[in-house]
N, C-alpha and C. Protein backbone atom coordinates (compact mmCIF):
# COMPACT_ATOMS: atom_id res chain seq x y z
N MET A 1 131.34 182.02 169.16
CA MET A 1 131.57 181.59 168.12
C MET A 1 132.98 182.56 168.11
N PHE A 2 132.41 183.48 168.32
CA PHE A 2 134.15 184.45 168.83
C PHE A 2 135.09 183.85 169.73
N LYS A 3 134.47 183.32 170.61
CA LYS A 3 135.27 182.53 171.75
C LYS A 3 135.84 181.04 171.15
N ARG A 4 135.18 180.35 170.21
CA ARG A 4 136.25 179.59 169.50
C ARG A 4 136.51 179.21 168.93
N LEU A 5 136.73 180.34 167.72
CA LEU A 5 137.70 180.95 167.30
C LEU A 5 139.14 180.78 167.93
N LEU A 6 138.92 182.04 168.94
CA LEU A 6 140.42 182.45 169.79
C LEU A 6 140.86 181.15 170.78
N LEU A 7 139.66 180.39 170.98
CA LEU A 7 140.54 179.09 172.05
C LEU A 7 140.85 178.52 170.99
N GLY A 8 140.28 178.14 169.42
CA GLY A 8 140.93 177.54 168.25
C GLY A 8 142.64 177.95 168.31
N VAL A 9 142.73 179.17 168.52
CA VAL A 9 143.47 179.94 167.90
C VAL A 9 144.86 179.84 168.88
N ALA A 10 143.69 179.99 169.32
CA ALA A 10 144.71 179.50 171.06
C ALA A 10 145.76 178.15 171.36
N LEU A 11 145.05 177.39 170.87
CA LEU A 11 145.28 175.76 171.11
C LEU A 11 146.19 175.82 170.06
N LEU A 12 146.45 176.84 168.85
CA LEU A 12 147.07 176.29 168.12
C LEU A 12 148.98 176.65 167.83
N VAL A 13 148.75 177.67 168.56
CA VAL A 13 149.94 178.32 168.63
C VAL A 13 150.37 177.79 170.07
N GLY A 14 149.78 176.93 171.06
CA GLY A 14 150.93 176.03 172.14
C GLY A 14 151.18 175.17 171.27
N PHE A 15 150.27 174.63 171.02
CA PHE A 15 150.74 173.05 170.22
C PHE A 15 151.95 173.25 169.52
N ALA A 16 151.88 174.27 168.49
CA ALA A 16 153.29 174.77 167.56
C ALA A 16 154.73 175.25 168.05
N SER A 17 154.65 175.96 169.73
CA SER A 17 155.56 175.92 170.68
C SER A 17 155.90 174.81 170.98
N ALA A 18 154.40 174.36 171.57
CA ALA A 18 155.73 173.32 172.47
C ALA A 18 156.60 172.08 171.11
N PHE A 19 156.46 172.04 170.15
CA PHE A 19 156.83 171.78 169.25
C PHE A 19 158.06 172.80 168.30
N ALA A 20 158.41 173.21 169.04
CA ALA A 20 159.31 174.72 168.00
C ALA A 20 161.44 173.76 168.35
N GLN A 21 161.29 173.97 168.00
CA GLN A 21 163.34 173.70 168.18
C GLN A 21 164.08 174.91 168.35
N VAL A 22 165.00 174.23 169.66
CA VAL A 22 165.96 175.75 170.96
C VAL A 22 166.82 175.21 169.67
N GLU A 23 167.53 176.46 169.22
CA GLU A 23 168.66 176.69 168.75
C GLU A 23 170.16 176.97 170.07
N ILE A 24 170.72 176.20 171.22
CA ILE A 24 171.41 176.43 171.69
C ILE A 24 172.37 177.38 171.68
N ASN A 25 172.60 177.47 170.74
CA ASN A 25 174.01 178.63 171.10
C ASN A 25 173.39 180.48 170.70
N LYS A 26 171.34 180.18 170.53
CA LYS A 26 170.72 181.34 170.33
C LYS A 26 170.27 181.44 171.95
N ALA A 27 170.39 180.89 172.38
CA ALA A 27 168.97 180.71 173.52
C ALA A 27 169.16 181.66 174.28
N ASP A 28 168.54 181.93 175.34
CA ASP A 28 169.22 182.37 177.13
C ASP A 28 168.41 181.65 177.29
N GLN A 29 168.49 181.97 178.87
CA GLN A 29 168.19 181.25 179.72
C GLN A 29 166.69 180.76 179.90
N ALA A 30 165.61 181.48 179.82
CA ALA A 30 164.92 180.91 180.18
C ALA A 30 164.06 180.41 178.59
N THR A 31 164.16 180.58 177.40
CA THR A 31 164.26 179.31 176.91
C THR A 31 165.09 177.93 176.73
N LEU A 32 165.52 178.50 176.87
CA LEU A 32 166.23 176.52 177.96
C LEU A 32 165.17 176.20 178.66
N GLU A 33 165.22 176.60 179.51
CA GLU A 33 164.41 176.16 180.80
C GLU A 33 163.35 175.57 180.52
N GLY A 34 162.77 176.07 179.07
CA GLY A 34 161.44 175.17 178.57
C GLY A 34 161.52 174.06 177.53
N ILE A 35 162.49 173.82 177.61
CA ILE A 35 163.17 172.70 177.06
C ILE A 35 163.13 171.42 177.90
N ARG A 36 162.32 170.65 178.57
CA ARG A 36 162.28 169.04 178.86
C ARG A 36 163.20 168.88 179.56
N GLY A 37 163.79 168.98 180.55
CA GLY A 37 165.09 168.30 180.92
C GLY A 37 165.84 168.92 180.95
N VAL A 38 165.83 170.83 180.99
CA VAL A 38 166.34 171.81 180.59
C VAL A 38 165.88 172.58 182.47
N GLY A 39 166.56 172.53 183.42
CA GLY A 39 165.97 173.35 184.53
C GLY A 39 166.85 174.11 184.72
N PRO A 40 167.39 175.36 185.79
CA PRO A 40 167.90 176.42 185.89
C PRO A 40 170.05 176.24 186.58
N LYS A 41 170.02 174.63 186.82
CA LYS A 41 171.34 174.11 186.91
C LYS A 41 171.93 173.95 185.31
N LEU A 42 170.92 173.36 184.31
CA LEU A 42 171.96 173.57 183.64
C LEU A 42 171.84 173.98 182.48
N SER A 43 170.68 174.92 182.73
CA SER A 43 170.82 176.39 181.79
C SER A 43 171.84 176.63 182.25
N LYS A 44 172.72 177.26 183.17
CA LYS A 44 173.44 178.12 183.18
C LYS A 44 175.11 176.96 182.99
N ALA A 45 174.69 175.97 183.14
CA ALA A 45 175.61 175.36 183.12
C ALA A 45 176.31 175.77 181.49
N ILE A 46 175.32 175.64 180.23
CA ILE A 46 174.98 175.81 179.28
C ILE A 46 175.36 176.92 179.15
N LEU A 47 174.97 178.28 179.12
CA LEU A 47 175.28 179.55 179.39
C LEU A 47 177.06 180.08 179.98
N ASP A 48 177.11 179.61 180.99
CA ASP A 48 178.16 179.78 181.78
C ASP A 48 179.19 179.50 180.39
N GLU A 49 179.48 177.39 179.74
CA GLU A 49 180.38 177.23 178.56
C GLU A 49 180.64 178.09 178.23
N ARG A 50 179.08 178.72 177.24
CA ARG A 50 179.39 178.70 175.61
C ARG A 50 180.63 180.53 175.88
N LYS A 51 179.73 181.28 176.92
CA LYS A 51 180.40 182.56 177.45
C LYS A 51 182.10 182.56 177.52
N LYS A 52 182.21 181.54 178.11
CA LYS A 52 183.64 180.62 178.58
C LYS A 52 184.92 180.71 177.50
N ALA A 53 183.53 180.10 176.53
CA ALA A 53 184.47 178.89 175.07
C ALA A 53 183.87 179.39 174.29
N GLY A 54 182.82 180.20 173.55
CA GLY A 54 182.16 179.90 172.47
C GLY A 54 181.06 179.41 172.48
N GLU A 55 180.27 179.53 171.11
CA GLU A 55 179.55 178.92 170.35
C GLU A 55 179.65 177.14 170.46
N PHE A 56 178.99 175.93 170.46
CA PHE A 56 178.99 175.14 170.83
C PHE A 56 179.19 174.43 169.14
N LYS A 57 180.27 173.66 168.61
CA LYS A 57 179.86 173.06 167.23
C LYS A 57 179.47 172.10 166.34
N ASP A 58 178.41 171.09 167.65
CA ASP A 58 178.57 170.05 167.57
C ASP A 58 177.89 169.07 169.63
N TRP A 59 177.12 168.08 168.73
CA TRP A 59 176.82 167.93 169.50
C TRP A 59 177.98 166.91 170.49
N SER A 60 178.40 166.71 169.92
CA SER A 60 180.02 165.52 170.95
C SER A 60 180.98 167.23 171.52
N ASP A 61 180.41 168.13 171.14
CA ASP A 61 180.85 169.47 171.95
C ASP A 61 180.53 169.97 172.79
N LEU A 62 178.73 169.61 172.70
CA LEU A 62 178.58 169.98 174.14
C LEU A 62 178.37 168.63 175.01
N GLU A 63 178.33 167.66 175.24
CA GLU A 63 178.65 166.46 175.75
C GLU A 63 179.35 166.91 176.42
N SER A 64 181.14 167.44 175.71
CA SER A 64 182.76 167.27 176.37
C SER A 64 182.37 168.51 177.17
N ARG A 65 182.03 168.92 177.15
CA ARG A 65 181.83 170.78 177.93
C ARG A 65 181.22 170.85 178.83
N VAL A 66 180.25 170.45 179.04
CA VAL A 66 178.98 170.56 179.30
C VAL A 66 178.97 169.56 180.67
N LYS A 67 178.79 169.82 181.62
CA LYS A 67 179.06 168.14 182.91
C LYS A 67 177.11 168.32 183.49
N GLY A 68 176.93 166.83 182.82
CA GLY A 68 175.35 166.70 182.96
C GLY A 68 175.53 166.32 181.57
N VAL A 69 175.48 166.92 180.84
CA VAL A 69 174.68 166.20 179.36
C VAL A 69 176.21 165.09 178.87
N GLY A 70 175.32 164.19 178.70
CA GLY A 70 176.02 162.99 178.69
C GLY A 70 174.78 162.23 176.71
N ASP A 71 176.01 161.09 176.87
CA ASP A 71 175.37 160.36 175.34
C ASP A 71 173.53 160.66 175.81
N LYS A 72 173.09 160.00 176.76
CA LYS A 72 171.78 159.66 177.11
C LYS A 72 170.73 160.86 177.00
N SER A 73 171.60 161.79 177.65
CA SER A 73 170.92 163.30 178.35
C SER A 73 170.25 164.46 176.92
N ALA A 74 171.97 163.59 176.30
CA ALA A 74 171.60 164.67 174.85
C ALA A 74 170.59 163.99 174.20
N VAL A 75 170.38 162.57 173.77
CA VAL A 75 169.35 162.44 173.35
C VAL A 75 168.11 162.78 173.56
N ARG A 76 167.59 162.43 174.90
CA ARG A 76 166.41 163.29 175.49
C ARG A 76 165.90 165.00 175.05
N LEU A 77 167.21 165.14 175.29
CA LEU A 77 167.00 166.73 174.91
C LEU A 77 167.04 166.96 173.51
N SER A 78 167.50 166.62 172.58
CA SER A 78 167.38 166.85 171.21
C SER A 78 166.26 165.91 170.48
N ASN A 79 165.46 164.89 171.82
CA ASN A 79 164.06 164.40 171.05
C ASN A 79 162.79 165.71 172.00
N ALA A 80 163.78 166.84 172.84
CA ALA A 80 162.86 167.39 173.73
C ALA A 80 162.80 169.29 172.52
N GLY A 81 163.87 168.67 171.78
CA GLY A 81 163.77 170.00 170.80
C GLY A 81 164.66 170.63 170.22
N LEU A 82 166.09 170.89 171.18
CA LEU A 82 167.19 171.27 171.56
C LEU A 82 168.09 170.49 170.42
N THR A 83 168.60 171.66 169.61
CA THR A 83 169.62 172.08 168.66
C THR A 83 170.47 172.00 168.48
N VAL A 84 171.52 171.94 167.67
CA VAL A 84 172.90 172.36 168.15
C VAL A 84 172.94 172.85 166.73
N ASN A 85 173.13 175.00 166.21
CA ASN A 85 174.15 174.83 164.90
C ASN A 85 172.46 174.15 164.00
N GLY A 86 171.48 174.21 164.46
CA GLY A 86 171.11 173.70 163.68
C GLY A 86 170.10 172.26 163.51
N GLN A 87 170.96 171.39 163.90
CA GLN A 87 171.33 169.96 164.03
C GLN A 87 170.69 169.63 165.04
N ALA A 88 169.48 168.15 164.77
CA ALA A 88 169.17 167.31 166.27
C ALA A 88 170.91 166.85 166.35
N ARG A 89 170.21 165.53 167.53
CA ARG A 89 172.00 164.41 167.63
C ARG A 89 171.71 163.29 166.71
N PRO A 90 172.14 163.18 165.91
CA PRO A 90 172.21 162.11 165.12
C PRO A 90 171.67 160.94 165.52
N GLY A 91 170.86 160.40 165.67
CA GLY A 91 170.10 158.96 166.16
C GLY A 91 169.38 159.25 167.37
N ALA A 92 169.02 160.05 167.41
CA ALA A 92 168.20 160.66 168.16
C ALA A 92 166.52 160.20 168.50
N ALA A 93 165.48 160.55 167.88
CA ALA A 93 164.91 160.42 167.60
C ALA A 93 165.08 158.34 167.30
N ALA A 94 166.21 157.56 166.76
CA ALA A 94 165.86 156.31 166.07
C ALA A 94 166.44 155.91 167.46
N ALA A 95 167.24 156.83 168.51
CA ALA A 95 167.00 155.28 169.97
C ALA A 95 166.15 155.75 170.38
N LYS A 96 164.77 156.36 169.99
CA LYS A 96 164.05 156.83 171.14
C LYS A 96 162.42 155.36 170.27
N ALA A 97 163.28 155.36 169.07
CA ALA A 97 161.89 154.49 167.98
C ALA A 97 163.13 152.95 168.73
N ASP A 98 163.89 152.47 169.01
CA ASP A 98 164.73 151.51 169.25
C ASP A 98 163.83 150.04 170.38
N LYS A 99 164.21 151.75 171.11
CA LYS A 99 163.53 151.02 172.75
C LYS A 99 162.04 150.08 172.94
N PRO A 100 162.16 149.41 173.40
CA PRO A 100 161.61 148.33 173.25
C PRO A 100 160.60 148.48 174.33
N SER A 101 158.93 147.88 174.21
CA SER A 101 158.14 149.51 174.56
C SER A 101 158.11 147.89 175.94
N LYS A 102 157.01 148.32 176.64
CA LYS A 102 157.03 148.13 178.57
C LYS A 102 156.45 146.88 178.89
N GLY A 103 157.68 146.18 179.70
CA GLY A 103 157.83 144.40 179.95
C GLY A 103 159.43 143.98 179.38
N GLY A 104 159.56 144.75 177.91
CA GLY A 104 160.26 144.10 177.28
C GLY A 104 160.06 143.58 175.96
N LYS A 105 158.85 143.27 176.35
CA LYS A 105 158.36 142.82 174.90
C LYS A 105 157.69 143.57 174.05
N GLU A 106 157.63 142.33 171.96
CA GLU A 106 157.40 143.67 171.35
C GLU A 106 156.35 143.38 170.85
N MET A 107 155.20 144.12 171.25
CA MET A 107 153.66 144.10 171.22
C MET A 107 153.56 145.35 170.42
N LYS A 108 152.63 144.88 169.71
CA LYS A 108 152.05 145.93 168.73
C LYS A 108 150.83 146.95 169.43
N ASN A 109 150.90 148.21 169.53
CA ASN A 109 150.16 149.16 169.69
C ASN A 109 149.75 149.08 172.09
N ASP A 110 151.04 147.75 172.08
CA ASP A 110 151.64 148.07 173.29
C ASP A 110 150.22 147.61 174.01
N VAL A 111 149.32 146.77 173.41
CA VAL A 111 148.12 146.05 174.22
C VAL A 111 148.78 144.36 173.91
N PRO A 112 148.44 143.90 174.36
CA PRO A 112 148.63 142.43 174.87
C PRO A 112 147.79 142.30 174.25
N ASN A 113 148.08 140.99 173.68
CA ASN A 113 147.14 139.64 173.10
C ASN A 113 146.41 138.37 173.97
N LYS A 114 145.11 137.29 174.18
CA LYS A 114 144.73 137.24 175.02
C LYS A 114 145.71 135.93 176.21
N GLU A 115 146.42 135.65 175.41
CA GLU A 115 148.30 135.15 175.60
C GLU A 115 149.02 135.07 176.68
N GLU A 116 148.86 136.77 176.54
CA GLU A 116 150.02 137.36 177.31
C GLU A 116 149.42 137.87 178.71
N VAL A 117 147.60 137.54 178.31
CA VAL A 117 147.12 138.44 180.22
C VAL A 117 147.19 136.84 180.69
N LYS A 118 147.38 135.86 180.16
CA LYS A 118 147.08 134.43 180.52
C LYS A 118 148.10 134.64 180.90
N LYS A 119 149.39 134.58 180.56
CA LYS A 119 150.44 134.27 181.52
C LYS A 119 150.78 135.61 182.43
N GLN A 120 149.83 136.01 182.51
CA GLN A 120 150.90 137.43 183.71
C GLN A 120 149.74 136.41 184.70
């Protein structure tokens, strides 16, 4: 019984940390690298730029100052939990939702109906 309770608590903590927001102006290198899409090279570039010119004001400031962070990568990083001054990138979640499903066709639950299967 105790093992199950301990496992449940461990899973809960794991899920909570997986969805935690990371503030780019406060994070250290290890924390930045915990964000999907941020490796050692990008985390170093972020920290170097933050040290050189100060905190990032907003997402456009980040995109203009850090080489390798453009529009598309900023959306991905925001969706992965990165924030700038506590803000997710405007339009990040919407950009993900607007992306068409596999094959460029709109499908409910990404499951093709019988007619679509016959056409393939």
